[in-house]
Amino acid sequence: MKALVYHGPGKMLLEDWPVPEPKDNEVLVKLKAVAVCGSDLGAYRLHEVSDRWNPPIVLGHEFTGEIASCGKNAAKYKIGTRVAANPIMYCGDCFYCRRGDINLCTNRGSFGTSIGGRRTNGAMQEYFAIREEAVIPLDDRISFEEGAFLEPLAVCYVSSAAGSFGKGERVVVTGAGPIGLMNVKFLKAMGASCIVVSDIVDTRLEYAKRYGADIVVNVASESLQKAVNDMTGGIGADRVIITAGNQSAIPESFALVRNGGNIVLVALAHYRVEIDPMQLVARGVSIIGSYMYRWEQLEVMKMLAEGKIQVNDMITSTCALSESEGLFARLCSPDCKDVKVLITA
């Protein structure tokens, strides 16, 4: 079979690999669609190898497929079942797992990464094995392409609800990449009265406007703080959702949020920042970390099936797995305008 293999920063090779054999409690899935995540591109852009993606490894954790075979003890699903999956490899036995907080599992790994010291090949290959308990059967009303969005949609469903003040709130979303744009879609569906989105790329801001943003600000040439002050009469936004990992986003968010408001951090930010504790204490501002999800993929699948959220308009291109070797280089080029790209088999 064909597999798109990560061999380190800047190096993705299409190779012939043997079809894996599912273990006793695993199923073998035939790939239908896998979306390229920003974290996959992040691995490609790195300057040196990270323990998070220890090569050689197959990336890809946003996917759909069909069950092709089942391990000896995997009897829950029939061959041919249309599926997605939860990529969090939680232990099921730690303090957090027993509470249902599988996203916080202290022993967790992750499909398509080497997190936790376990290299687990992901979905950018024609066939892959995954444990049966992770499988999510697809609703018949959604396509394989839509189903590939269940993972990032669940991330954004959780972050768009974190610290919410309910219908009518005014929210700033910093960053108009796929995660920021999906947050806009959920905020609109949840009844936000005004959504402000910032970025430095006009094309992405145009998508944000199309998906429901009321105000868009290119921070390379405009003042986000002025836009928020004008919108709120100087009070500030109820929430600021940080979806982009630039180092200034957290400190600047204090100038955007109102007293008693919430700052939600969903971006995977790998840097240190200085915070004045009086901004938290005297103003009553809270910082909320939003990391992945539990089983909210089931909720967003229902929303997709019922037409309450749309994702087809986010698919800007598709690429056959057999032609995918140069895809990451194209997606990381400065002139790339894609929002979400699917690899299909």
C-alpha atoms as a PDB file:
ATOM      1  CA  MET A   1       0.000   0.000   0.000  1.00  0.00           C
ATOM      2  CA  LYS A   2       0.969   3.681  -0.295  1.00  0.00           C
ATOM      3  CA  ALA A   3       1.890   5.688   2.798  1.00  0.00           C
ATOM      4  CA  LEU A   4       2.891   9.349   3.069  1.00  0.00           C
ATOM      5  CA  VAL A   5       5.749   9.182   5.570  1.00  0.00           C
ATOM      6  CA  TYR A   6       7.218  11.996   7.667  1.00  0.00           C
ATOM      7  CA  HIS A   7      11.019  11.708   7.817  1.00  0.00           C
ATOM      8  CA  GLY A   8      11.644  14.931   9.700  1.00  0.00           C
ATOM      9  CA  PRO A   9      11.206  18.662   9.067  1.00  0.00           C
ATOM     10  CA  GLY A  10      10.701  19.452   5.400  1.00  0.00           C
ATOM     11  CA  LYS A  11      10.722  15.813   4.319  1.00  0.00           C
ATOM     12  CA  MET A  12       7.580  13.869   3.395  1.00  0.00           C
ATOM     13  CA  LEU A  13       7.996  10.815   1.157  1.00  0.00           C
ATOM     14  CA  LEU A  14       5.399   8.617  -0.512  1.00  0.00           C
ATOM     15  CA  GLU A  15       6.466   5.032   0.139  1.00  0.00           C
ATOM     16  CA  ASP A  16       5.298   1.444  -0.324  1.00  0.00           C
ATOM     17  CA  TRP A  17       4.517  -0.096   3.057  1.00  0.00           C
ATOM     18  CA  PRO A  18       2.957  -3.455   3.964  1.00  0.00           C
ATOM     19  CA  VAL A  19      -0.693  -3.387   4.957  1.00  0.00           C
ATOM     20  CA  PRO A  20      -0.753  -3.550   8.794  1.00  0.00           C
ATOM     21  CA  GLU A  21      -2.354  -6.436  10.663  1.00  0.00           C
ATOM     22  CA  PRO A  22      -4.871  -5.343  13.326  1.00  0.00           C
ATOM     23  CA  LYS A  23      -4.093  -6.529  16.843  1.00  0.00           C
ATOM     24  CA  ASP A  24      -6.658  -8.426  18.925  1.00  0.00           C
ATOM     25  CA  ASN A  25      -8.624  -5.299  19.974  1.00  0.00           C
ATOM     26  CA  GLU A  26      -8.075  -3.280  16.814  1.00  0.00           C
ATOM     27  CA  VAL A  27      -9.802  -2.807  13.484  1.00  0.00           C
ATOM     28  CA  LEU A  28      -8.162  -2.223  10.129  1.00  0.00           C
ATOM     29  CA  VAL A  29      -9.538   0.866   8.366  1.00  0.00           C
ATOM     30  CA  LYS A  30      -9.370   1.589   4.644  1.00  0.00           C
ATOM     31  CA  LEU A  31      -8.801   5.321   4.227  1.00  0.00           C
ATOM     32  CA  LYS A  32     -11.430   7.464   2.529  1.00  0.00           C
ATOM     33  CA  ALA A  33     -10.405  11.008   3.550  1.00  0.00           C
ATOM     34  CA  VAL A  34      -7.851  12.543   5.901  1.00  0.00           C
ATOM     35  CA  ALA A  35      -7.610  16.282   6.534  1.00  0.00           C
ATOM     36  CA  VAL A  36      -4.265  18.019   6.917  1.00  0.00           C
ATOM     37  CA  CYS A  37      -4.146  19.606  10.386  1.00  0.00           C
ATOM     38  CA  GLY A  38      -2.158  22.693  11.307  1.00  0.00           C
ATOM     39  CA  SER A  39      -0.187  20.514  13.719  1.00  0.00           C
ATOM     40  CA  ASP A  40       0.813  18.236  10.821  1.00  0.00           C
ATOM     41  CA  LEU A  41       2.098  21.291   8.964  1.00  0.00           C
ATOM     42  CA  GLY A  42       3.783  22.410  12.175  1.00  0.00           C
ATOM     43  CA  ALA A  43       5.810  19.195  12.230  1.00  0.00           C
ATOM     44  CA  TYR A  44       6.871  19.800   8.635  1.00  0.00           C
ATOM     45  CA  ARG A  45       7.922  23.400   9.408  1.00  0.00           C
ATOM     46  CA  LEU A  46      10.080  22.538  12.431  1.00  0.00           C
ATOM     47  CA  HIS A  47      13.792  23.333  12.379  1.00  0.00           C
ATOM     48  CA  GLU A  48      14.678  20.119  14.202  1.00  0.00           C
ATOM     49  CA  VAL A  49      13.027  16.803  15.060  1.00  0.00           C
ATOM     50  CA  SER A  50      10.530  16.900  17.944  1.00  0.00           C
ATOM     51  CA  ASP A  51       9.659  14.081  20.348  1.00  0.00           C
ATOM     52  CA  ARG A  52       6.056  14.772  19.362  1.00  0.00           C
ATOM     53  CA  TRP A  53       6.699  13.392  15.860  1.00  0.00           C
ATOM     54  CA  ASN A  54       9.571  10.920  16.024  1.00  0.00           C
ATOM     55  CA  PRO A  55      10.334   9.898  12.401  1.00  0.00           C
ATOM     56  CA  PRO A  56       9.728   7.866  10.435  1.00  0.00           C
ATOM     57  CA  ILE A  57       6.012   8.234  11.169  1.00  0.00           C
ATOM     58  CA  VAL A  58       2.739   8.548   9.266  1.00  0.00           C
ATOM     59  CA  LEU A  59       0.822  11.660  10.296  1.00  0.00           C
ATOM     60  CA  GLY A  60      -2.926  12.268  10.143  1.00  0.00           C
ATOM     61  CA  HIS A  61      -5.582  12.199  12.873  1.00  0.00           C
ATOM     62  CA  GLU A  62      -8.606  13.844  11.171  1.00  0.00           C
ATOM     63  CA  PHE A  63      -9.992  11.044   9.027  1.00  0.00           C
ATOM     64  CA  THR A  64     -12.739   8.751   7.828  1.00  0.00           C
ATOM     65  CA  GLY A  65     -12.703   5.323   6.275  1.00  0.00           C
ATOM     66  CA  GLU A  66     -14.343   1.895   6.114  1.00  0.00           C
ATOM     67  CA  ILE A  67     -13.578  -1.067   8.338  1.00  0.00           C
ATOM     68  CA  ALA A  68     -11.681  -3.579   6.205  1.00  0.00           C
ATOM     69  CA  SER A  69     -11.029  -6.276   8.824  1.00  0.00           C
ATOM     70  CA  CYS A  70     -11.221  -6.862  12.572  1.00  0.00           C
ATOM     71  CA  GLY A  71      -8.818  -8.227  15.152  1.00  0.00           C
ATOM     72  CA  LYS A  72      -9.664 -11.409  17.097  1.00  0.00           C
ATOM     73  CA  ASN A  73     -11.461  -9.639  19.963  1.00  0.00           C
ATOM     74  CA  ALA A  74     -12.925  -6.765  17.940  1.00  0.00           C
ATOM     75  CA  ALA A  75     -16.512  -7.770  17.233  1.00  0.00           C
ATOM     76  CA  LYS A  76     -18.513  -4.571  17.699  1.00  0.00           C
ATOM     77  CA  TYR A  77     -18.541  -3.369  14.079  1.00  0.00           C
ATOM     78  CA  LYS A  78     -19.057  -5.084  10.748  1.00  0.00           C
ATOM     79  CA  ILE A  79     -16.684  -4.967   7.814  1.00  0.00           C
ATOM     80  CA  GLY A  80     -17.708  -2.071   5.568  1.00  0.00           C
ATOM     81  CA  THR A  81     -18.900   0.165   8.438  1.00  0.00           C
ATOM     82  CA  ARG A  82     -18.250   3.834   7.683  1.00  0.00           C
ATOM     83  CA  VAL A  83     -16.184   5.302  10.523  1.00  0.00           C
ATOM     84  CA  ALA A  84     -14.238   8.143  12.042  1.00  0.00           C
ATOM     85  CA  ALA A  85     -12.429   7.839  15.377  1.00  0.00           C
ATOM     86  CA  ASN A  86     -11.301   9.613  18.508  1.00  0.00           C
ATOM     87  CA  PRO A  87      -7.500   9.888  18.148  1.00  0.00           C
ATOM     88  CA  ILE A  88      -6.830  10.388  21.887  1.00  0.00           C
ATOM     89  CA  MET A  89      -5.094   7.240  23.129  1.00  0.00           C
ATOM     90  CA  TYR A  90      -6.220   7.516  26.743  1.00  0.00           C
ATOM     91  CA  CYS A  91      -5.376   4.858  29.331  1.00  0.00           C
ATOM     92  CA  GLY A  92      -8.891   4.528  30.802  1.00  0.00           C
ATOM     93  CA  ASP A  93      -7.587   3.962  34.334  1.00  0.00           C
ATOM     94  CA  CYS A  94      -5.979   7.177  35.624  1.00  0.00           C
ATOM     95  CA  PHE A  95      -7.619   9.820  37.837  1.00  0.00           C
ATOM     96  CA  TYR A  96      -8.710  11.867  34.820  1.00  0.00           C
ATOM     97  CA  CYS A  97      -9.977   8.978  32.711  1.00  0.00           C
ATOM     98  CA  ARG A  98     -12.119   7.764  35.626  1.00  0.00           C
ATOM     99  CA  ARG A  99     -13.665  11.259  35.692  1.00  0.00           C
ATOM    100  CA  GLY A 100     -14.316  11.134  31.953  1.00  0.00           C
ATOM    101  CA  ASP A 101     -11.635  13.730  31.208  1.00  0.00           C
ATOM    102  CA  ILE A 102      -9.822  11.593  28.654  1.00  0.00           C
ATOM    103  CA  ASN A 103      -8.233  14.676  27.072  1.00  0.00           C
ATOM    104  CA  LEU A 104      -6.291  15.213  30.314  1.00  0.00           C
ATOM    105  CA  CYS A 105      -5.134  11.593  30.708  1.00  0.00           C
ATOM    106  CA  THR A 106      -1.668  11.579  32.227  1.00  0.00           C
ATOM    107  CA  ASN A 107      -0.694   8.484  30.225  1.00  0.00           C
ATOM    108  CA  ARG A 108      -2.172   9.503  26.911  1.00  0.00           C
ATOM    109  CA  GLY A 109      -0.709   9.066  23.473  1.00  0.00           C
ATOM    110  CA  SER A 110      -2.180  10.339  20.236  1.00  0.00           C
ATOM    111  CA  PHE A 111      -2.875   8.742  16.867  1.00  0.00           C
ATOM    112  CA  GLY A 112      -0.458   9.963  14.213  1.00  0.00           C
ATOM    113  CA  THR A 113       2.153  11.184  16.735  1.00  0.00           C
ATOM    114  CA  SER A 114       4.801   9.867  19.119  1.00  0.00           C
ATOM    115  CA  ILE A 115       3.327  11.702  22.136  1.00  0.00           C
ATOM    116  CA  GLY A 116       3.882   9.779  25.361  1.00  0.00           C
ATOM    117  CA  GLY A 117       6.852   7.973  23.854  1.00  0.00           C
ATOM    118  CA  ARG A 118       4.650   5.778  21.643  1.00  0.00           C
ATOM    119  CA  ARG A 119       5.059   6.149  17.887  1.00  0.00           C
ATOM    120  CA  THR A 120       1.603   5.487  16.427  1.00  0.00           C
ATOM    121  CA  ASN A 121       1.204   5.769  12.672  1.00  0.00           C
ATOM    122  CA  GLY A 122      -1.733   7.872  11.558  1.00  0.00           C
ATOM    123  CA  ALA A 123      -4.146   7.961   8.657  1.00  0.00           C
ATOM    124  CA  MET A 124      -2.098   9.279   5.722  1.00  0.00           C
ATOM    125  CA  GLN A 125      -1.870   5.757   4.326  1.00  0.00           C
ATOM    126  CA  GLU A 126      -4.224   3.472   2.442  1.00  0.00           C
ATOM    127  CA  TYR A 127      -4.859   1.195   5.441  1.00  0.00           C
ATOM    128  CA  PHE A 128      -4.233   1.701   9.161  1.00  0.00           C
ATOM    129  CA  ALA A 129      -5.056  -0.083  12.402  1.00  0.00           C
ATOM    130  CA  ILE A 130      -6.736   1.625  15.356  1.00  0.00           C
ATOM    131  CA  ARG A 131      -8.191   0.300  18.596  1.00  0.00           C
ATOM    132  CA  GLU A 132     -11.855  -0.604  18.358  1.00  0.00           C
ATOM    133  CA  GLU A 133     -12.949   1.516  21.336  1.00  0.00           C
ATOM    134  CA  ALA A 134     -11.824   4.658  19.475  1.00  0.00           C
ATOM    135  CA  VAL A 135     -14.128   4.021  16.519  1.00  0.00           C
ATOM    136  CA  ILE A 136     -17.070   6.347  15.834  1.00  0.00           C
ATOM    137  CA  PRO A 137     -19.588   5.062  13.257  1.00  0.00           C
ATOM    138  CA  LEU A 138     -20.545   7.821  10.819  1.00  0.00           C
ATOM    139  CA  ASP A 139     -24.094   9.082  10.574  1.00  0.00           C
ATOM    140  CA  ASP A 140     -25.485   8.061   7.169  1.00  0.00           C
ATOM    141  CA  ARG A 141     -26.423  11.679   6.509  1.00  0.00           C
ATOM    142  CA  ILE A 142     -22.842  12.936   6.369  1.00  0.00           C
ATOM    143  CA  SER A 143     -20.186  12.249   3.755  1.00  0.00           C
ATOM    144  CA  PHE A 144     -16.694  10.881   4.274  1.00  0.00           C
ATOM    145  CA  GLU A 145     -15.363  14.375   3.543  1.00  0.00           C
ATOM    146  CA  GLU A 146     -17.581  15.979   6.193  1.00  0.00           C
ATOM    147  CA  GLY A 147     -16.722  13.226   8.656  1.00  0.00           C
ATOM    148  CA  ALA A 148     -13.024  14.092   8.390  1.00  0.00           C
ATOM    149  CA  PHE A 149     -13.904  17.355  10.177  1.00  0.00           C
ATOM    150  CA  LEU A 150     -15.260  15.684  13.324  1.00  0.00           C
ATOM    151  CA  GLU A 151     -11.920  15.945  15.129  1.00  0.00           C
ATOM    152  CA  PRO A 152     -11.189  19.673  14.562  1.00  0.00           C
ATOM    153  CA  LEU A 153     -14.882  20.510  14.918  1.00  0.00           C
ATOM    154  CA  ALA A 154     -14.906  18.917  18.366  1.00  0.00           C
ATOM    155  CA  VAL A 155     -11.856  21.012  19.335  1.00  0.00           C
ATOM    156  CA  CYS A 156     -13.677  24.158  18.231  1.00  0.00           C
ATOM    157  CA  TYR A 157     -17.035  23.184  19.710  1.00  0.00           C
ATOM    158  CA  VAL A 158     -15.386  22.910  23.120  1.00  0.00           C
ATOM    159  CA  SER A 159     -13.331  26.100  22.817  1.00  0.00           C
ATOM    160  CA  SER A 160     -16.216  28.172  21.454  1.00  0.00           C
ATOM    161  CA  ALA A 161     -18.314  27.156  24.483  1.00  0.00           C
ATOM    162  CA  ALA A 162     -15.555  27.555  27.100  1.00  0.00           C
ATOM    163  CA  GLY A 163     -16.404  30.376  29.486  1.00  0.00           C
ATOM    164  CA  SER A 164     -19.392  31.426  27.377  1.00  0.00           C
ATOM    165  CA  PHE A 165     -21.792  34.079  28.645  1.00  0.00           C
ATOM    166  CA  GLY A 166     -24.598  32.784  26.422  1.00  0.00           C
ATOM    167  CA  LYS A 167     -26.539  34.276  23.554  1.00  0.00           C
ATOM    168  CA  GLY A 168     -25.837  37.891  22.757  1.00  0.00           C
ATOM    169  CA  GLU A 169     -22.204  37.883  23.880  1.00  0.00           C
ATOM    170  CA  ARG A 170     -19.528  39.783  21.985  1.00  0.00           C
ATOM    171  CA  VAL A 171     -16.452  37.716  21.132  1.00  0.00           C
ATOM    172  CA  VAL A 172     -13.028  38.326  19.624  1.00  0.00           C
ATOM    173  CA  VAL A 173     -11.308  35.466  17.776  1.00  0.00           C
ATOM    174  CA  THR A 174      -7.606  36.022  17.144  1.00  0.00           C
ATOM    175  CA  GLY A 175      -6.428  34.037  14.152  1.00  0.00           C
ATOM    176  CA  ALA A 176      -8.417  33.055  11.061  1.00  0.00           C
ATOM    177  CA  GLY A 177      -6.875  29.687  10.341  1.00  0.00           C
ATOM    178  CA  PRO A 178      -9.097  26.586  10.258  1.00  0.00           C
ATOM    179  CA  ILE A 179      -9.511  26.501  14.066  1.00  0.00           C
ATOM    180  CA  GLY A 180     -10.385  30.195  14.238  1.00  0.00           C
ATOM    181  CA  LEU A 181     -12.823  29.882  11.343  1.00  0.00           C
ATOM    182  CA  MET A 182     -14.558  26.865  12.865  1.00  0.00           C
ATOM    183  CA  ASN A 183     -14.884  28.792  16.127  1.00  0.00           C
ATOM    184  CA  VAL A 184     -16.635  31.529  14.153  1.00  0.00           C
ATOM    185  CA  LYS A 185     -19.107  28.997  12.776  1.00  0.00           C
ATOM    186  CA  PHE A 186     -19.931  27.666  16.248  1.00  0.00           C
ATOM    187  CA  LEU A 187     -20.154  31.128  17.827  1.00  0.00           C
ATOM    188  CA  LYS A 188     -22.641  32.115  15.139  1.00  0.00           C
ATOM    189  CA  ALA A 189     -24.673  28.950  15.733  1.00  0.00           C
ATOM    190  CA  MET A 190     -24.581  29.576  19.510  1.00  0.00           C
ATOM    191  CA  GLY A 191     -26.060  33.055  19.152  1.00  0.00           C
ATOM    192  CA  ALA A 192     -23.157  35.476  19.604  1.00  0.00           C
ATOM    193  CA  SER A 193     -24.345  38.982  18.773  1.00  0.00           C
ATOM    194  CA  CYS A 194     -21.019  40.248  17.428  1.00  0.00           C
ATOM    195  CA  ILE A 195     -17.895  38.366  16.359  1.00  0.00           C
ATOM    196  CA  VAL A 196     -14.607  40.159  15.656  1.00  0.00           C
ATOM    197  CA  VAL A 197     -11.856  38.217  13.885  1.00  0.00           C
ATOM    198  CA  SER A 198      -8.239  39.276  13.470  1.00  0.00           C
ATOM    199  CA  ASP A 199      -5.468  37.983  11.227  1.00  0.00           C
ATOM    200  CA  ILE A 200      -2.732  39.293   8.957  1.00  0.00           C
ATOM    201  CA  VAL A 201      -3.991  37.553   5.780  1.00  0.00           C
ATOM    202  CA  ASP A 202      -6.850  39.234   3.939  1.00  0.00           C
ATOM    203  CA  THR A 203      -7.922  36.009   2.218  1.00  0.00           C
ATOM    204  CA  ARG A 204      -8.529  34.328   5.586  1.00  0.00           C
ATOM    205  CA  LEU A 205     -10.419  37.357   6.857  1.00  0.00           C
ATOM    206  CA  GLU A 206     -12.666  37.147   3.800  1.00  0.00           C
ATOM    207  CA  TYR A 207     -13.517  33.567   4.778  1.00  0.00           C
ATOM    208  CA  ALA A 208     -14.195  34.708   8.348  1.00  0.00           C
ATOM    209  CA  LYS A 209     -16.660  37.295   7.041  1.00  0.00           C
ATOM    210  CA  ARG A 210     -18.307  34.654   4.870  1.00  0.00           C
ATOM    211  CA  TYR A 211     -18.668  32.278   7.839  1.00  0.00           C
ATOM    212  CA  GLY A 212     -20.329  34.805  10.142  1.00  0.00           C
ATOM    213  CA  ALA A 213     -17.797  37.348  11.459  1.00  0.00           C
ATOM    214  CA  ASP A 214     -19.328  40.802  11.863  1.00  0.00           C
ATOM    215  CA  ILE A 215     -16.023  42.684  11.935  1.00  0.00           C
ATOM    216  CA  VAL A 216     -12.654  41.607  10.518  1.00  0.00           C
ATOM    217  CA  VAL A 217      -9.372  43.329  11.304  1.00  0.00           C
ATOM    218  CA  ASN A 218      -6.061  42.935   9.519  1.00  0.00           C
ATOM    219  CA  VAL A 219      -3.737  43.662  12.430  1.00  0.00           C
ATOM    220  CA  ALA A 220      -0.842  44.336  10.047  1.00  0.00           C
ATOM    221  CA  SER A 221      -2.483  47.659   9.172  1.00  0.00           C
ATOM    222  CA  GLU A 222      -5.419  48.195  11.584  1.00  0.00           C
ATOM    223  CA  SER A 223      -5.900  48.450  15.351  1.00  0.00           C
ATOM    224  CA  LEU A 224      -7.777  45.511  16.837  1.00  0.00           C
ATOM    225  CA  GLN A 225      -8.177  47.349  20.148  1.00  0.00           C
ATOM    226  CA  LYS A 226      -9.839  50.302  18.419  1.00  0.00           C
ATOM    227  CA  ALA A 227     -12.231  47.995  16.585  1.00  0.00           C
ATOM    228  CA  VAL A 228     -13.217  46.286  19.849  1.00  0.00           C
ATOM    229  CA  ASN A 229     -13.589  49.598  21.693  1.00  0.00           C
ATOM    230  CA  ASP A 230     -15.755  50.987  18.893  1.00  0.00           C
ATOM    231  CA  MET A 231     -17.916  47.851  18.965  1.00  0.00           C
ATOM    232  CA  THR A 232     -18.384  47.834  22.739  1.00  0.00           C
ATOM    233  CA  GLY A 233     -18.312  51.527  23.602  1.00  0.00           C
ATOM    234  CA  GLY A 234     -14.959  51.046  25.315  1.00  0.00           C
ATOM    235  CA  ILE A 235     -16.164  48.234  27.619  1.00  0.00           C
ATOM    236  CA  GLY A 236     -14.346  45.366  25.919  1.00  0.00           C
ATOM    237  CA  ALA A 237     -15.348  41.953  24.594  1.00  0.00           C
ATOM    238  CA  ASP A 238     -17.016  39.326  26.773  1.00  0.00           C
ATOM    239  CA  ARG A 239     -14.499  36.763  25.584  1.00  0.00           C
ATOM    240  CA  VAL A 240     -11.283  36.612  23.579  1.00  0.00           C
ATOM    241  CA  ILE A 241     -10.576  33.228  21.975  1.00  0.00           C
ATOM    242  CA  ILE A 242      -6.910  32.857  21.017  1.00  0.00           C
ATOM    243  CA  THR A 243      -6.499  30.421  18.129  1.00  0.00           C
ATOM    244  CA  ALA A 244      -3.175  31.691  16.734  1.00  0.00           C
ATOM    245  CA  GLY A 245       0.124  31.016  18.442  1.00  0.00           C
ATOM    246  CA  ASN A 246       1.819  34.412  18.072  1.00  0.00           C
ATOM    247  CA  GLN A 247       3.600  35.494  21.238  1.00  0.00           C
ATOM    248  CA  SER A 248       1.827  38.827  21.636  1.00  0.00           C
ATOM    249  CA  ALA A 249      -1.710  37.413  21.572  1.00  0.00           C
ATOM    250  CA  ILE A 250      -2.020  36.644  25.301  1.00  0.00           C
ATOM    251  CA  PRO A 251      -0.705  39.960  26.679  1.00  0.00           C
ATOM    252  CA  GLU A 252      -2.725  41.931  24.113  1.00  0.00           C
ATOM    253  CA  SER A 253      -5.914  40.071  24.967  1.00  0.00           C
ATOM    254  CA  PHE A 254      -6.095  41.892  28.326  1.00  0.00           C
ATOM    255  CA  ALA A 255      -6.644  45.136  26.430  1.00  0.00           C
ATOM    256  CA  LEU A 256      -9.495  43.536  24.465  1.00  0.00           C
ATOM    257  CA  VAL A 257     -11.500  41.748  27.189  1.00  0.00           C
ATOM    258  CA  ARG A 258     -13.920  43.485  29.558  1.00  0.00           C
ATOM    259  CA  ASN A 259     -13.772  43.372  33.347  1.00  0.00           C
ATOM    260  CA  GLY A 260     -15.158  40.002  34.396  1.00  0.00           C
ATOM    261  CA  GLY A 261     -14.539  38.595  30.926  1.00  0.00           C
ATOM    262  CA  ASN A 262     -12.774  35.423  29.834  1.00  0.00           C
ATOM    263  CA  ILE A 263      -9.696  34.730  27.746  1.00  0.00           C
ATOM    264  CA  VAL A 264      -9.821  31.276  26.139  1.00  0.00           C
ATOM    265  CA  LEU A 265      -6.521  29.811  24.982  1.00  0.00           C
ATOM    266  CA  VAL A 266      -6.855  27.039  22.403  1.00  0.00           C
ATOM    267  CA  ALA A 267      -3.695  27.714  20.373  1.00  0.00           C
ATOM    268  CA  LEU A 268      -0.820  25.354  21.147  1.00  0.00           C
ATOM    269  CA  ALA A 269       1.494  28.128  22.311  1.00  0.00           C
ATOM    270  CA  HIS A 270       5.081  27.099  23.102  1.00  0.00           C
ATOM    271  CA  TYR A 271       6.498  30.244  24.711  1.00  0.00           C
ATOM    272  CA  ARG A 272       6.550  32.126  27.994  1.00  0.00           C
ATOM    273  CA  VAL A 273       4.685  35.388  28.624  1.00  0.00           C
ATOM    274  CA  GLU A 274       4.600  37.895  31.467  1.00  0.00           C
ATOM    275  CA  ILE A 275       1.189  38.562  33.031  1.00  0.00           C
ATOM    276  CA  ASP A 276       0.309  41.243  35.576  1.00  0.00           C
ATOM    277  CA  PRO A 277      -1.664  39.347  38.264  1.00  0.00           C
ATOM    278  CA  MET A 278      -3.675  42.512  38.978  1.00  0.00           C
ATOM    279  CA  GLN A 279      -5.241  42.105  35.545  1.00  0.00           C
ATOM    280  CA  LEU A 280      -6.728  38.875  36.852  1.00  0.00           C
ATOM    281  CA  VAL A 281      -7.521  39.903  40.428  1.00  0.00           C
ATOM    282  CA  ALA A 282      -8.640  43.533  40.245  1.00  0.00           C
ATOM    283  CA  ARG A 283     -10.458  43.139  36.921  1.00  0.00           C
ATOM    284  CA  GLY A 284     -11.885  39.672  37.546  1.00  0.00           C
ATOM    285  CA  VAL A 285     -10.538  38.347  34.255  1.00  0.00           C
ATOM    286  CA  SER A 286     -10.121  34.578  33.834  1.00  0.00           C
ATOM    287  CA  ILE A 287      -7.803  32.645  31.529  1.00  0.00           C
ATOM    288  CA  ILE A 288      -9.257  29.311  30.428  1.00  0.00           C
ATOM    289  CA  GLY A 289      -7.217  26.608  28.721  1.00  0.00           C
ATOM    290  CA  SER A 290      -9.176  24.549  26.175  1.00  0.00           C
ATOM    291  CA  TYR A 291      -7.413  21.340  25.138  1.00  0.00           C
ATOM    292  CA  MET A 292      -9.047  18.958  22.673  1.00  0.00           C
ATOM    293  CA  TYR A 293     -12.303  17.314  23.821  1.00  0.00           C
ATOM    294  CA  ARG A 294     -13.783  14.167  25.293  1.00  0.00           C
ATOM    295  CA  TRP A 295     -16.526  12.647  23.112  1.00  0.00           C
ATOM    296  CA  GLU A 296     -17.918  15.876  21.664  1.00  0.00           C
ATOM    297  CA  GLN A 297     -17.307  14.446  18.192  1.00  0.00           C
ATOM    298  CA  LEU A 298     -20.689  12.755  18.625  1.00  0.00           C
ATOM    299  CA  GLU A 299     -22.385  16.092  19.279  1.00  0.00           C
ATOM    300  CA  VAL A 300     -20.822  17.846  16.311  1.00  0.00           C
ATOM    301  CA  MET A 301     -21.660  14.892  14.055  1.00  0.00           C
ATOM    302  CA  LYS A 302     -25.311  15.382  15.015  1.00  0.00           C
ATOM    303  CA  MET A 303     -25.031  19.095  14.242  1.00  0.00           C
ATOM    304  CA  LEU A 304     -23.525  18.286  10.836  1.00  0.00           C
ATOM    305  CA  ALA A 305     -26.211  15.725  10.065  1.00  0.00           C
ATOM    306  CA  GLU A 306     -28.966  18.182  11.004  1.00  0.00           C
ATOM    307  CA  GLY A 307     -27.449  21.024   8.982  1.00  0.00           C
ATOM    308  CA  LYS A 308     -26.757  23.226  12.001  1.00  0.00           C
ATOM    309  CA  ILE A 309     -23.118  23.585  10.976  1.00  0.00           C
ATOM    310  CA  GLN A 310     -21.551  23.400   7.503  1.00  0.00           C
ATOM    311  CA  VAL A 311     -18.007  22.388   6.562  1.00  0.00           C
ATOM    312  CA  ASN A 312     -18.044  21.681   2.830  1.00  0.00           C
ATOM    313  CA  ASP A 313     -17.360  25.364   2.200  1.00  0.00           C
ATOM    314  CA  MET A 314     -14.056  25.006   4.075  1.00  0.00           C
ATOM    315  CA  ILE A 315     -12.637  22.334   1.741  1.00  0.00           C
ATOM    316  CA  THR A 316     -10.553  24.399  -0.659  1.00  0.00           C
ATOM    317  CA  SER A 317      -8.783  21.491  -2.354  1.00  0.00           C
ATOM    318  CA  THR A 318      -8.324  17.733  -2.332  1.00  0.00           C
ATOM    319  CA  CYS A 319      -5.337  15.597  -3.230  1.00  0.00           C
ATOM    320  CA  ALA A 320      -5.122  11.892  -4.002  1.00  0.00           C
ATOM    321  CA  LEU A 321      -2.808  10.007  -1.658  1.00  0.00           C
ATOM    322  CA  SER A 322      -0.931   8.709  -4.699  1.00  0.00           C
ATOM    323  CA  GLU A 323      -0.061  12.319  -5.647  1.00  0.00           C
ATOM    324  CA  SER A 324       0.560  13.700  -2.158  1.00  0.00           C
ATOM    325  CA  GLU A 325       4.355  13.698  -1.910  1.00  0.00           C
ATOM    326  CA  GLY A 326       4.749  17.435  -2.667  1.00  0.00           C
ATOM    327  CA  LEU A 327       1.566  18.519  -0.900  1.00  0.00           C
ATOM    328  CA  PHE A 328       3.112  19.722   2.371  1.00  0.00           C
ATOM    329  CA  ALA A 329       5.655  21.889   0.548  1.00  0.00           C
ATOM    330  CA  ARG A 330       2.822  23.561  -1.347  1.00  0.00           C
ATOM    331  CA  LEU A 331       0.713  24.094   1.775  1.00  0.00           C
ATOM    332  CA  CYS A 332       3.663  25.690   3.583  1.00  0.00           C
ATOM    333  CA  SER A 333       4.520  28.076   0.746  1.00  0.00           C
ATOM    334  CA  PRO A 334       3.944  31.796   1.464  1.00  0.00           C
ATOM    335  CA  ASP A 335       1.406  32.169  -1.344  1.00  0.00           C
ATOM    336  CA  CYS A 336      -0.816  29.245  -0.283  1.00  0.00           C
ATOM    337  CA  LYS A 337      -4.455  30.330   0.115  1.00  0.00           C
ATOM    338  CA  ASP A 338      -5.973  26.997   1.121  1.00  0.00           C
ATOM    339  CA  VAL A 339      -8.153  26.769   4.221  1.00  0.00           C
ATOM    340  CA  LYS A 340      -8.573  23.008   4.585  1.00  0.00           C
ATOM    341  CA  VAL A 341      -7.136  20.300   2.377  1.00  0.00           C
ATOM    342  CA  LEU A 342      -8.195  16.652   2.249  1.00  0.00           C
ATOM    343  CA  ILE A 343      -6.086  13.712   1.130  1.00  0.00           C
ATOM    344  CA  THR A 344      -8.249  10.993  -0.394  1.00  0.00           C
ATOM    345  CA  ALA A 345      -7.678   7.355  -1.319  1.00  0.00           C
END
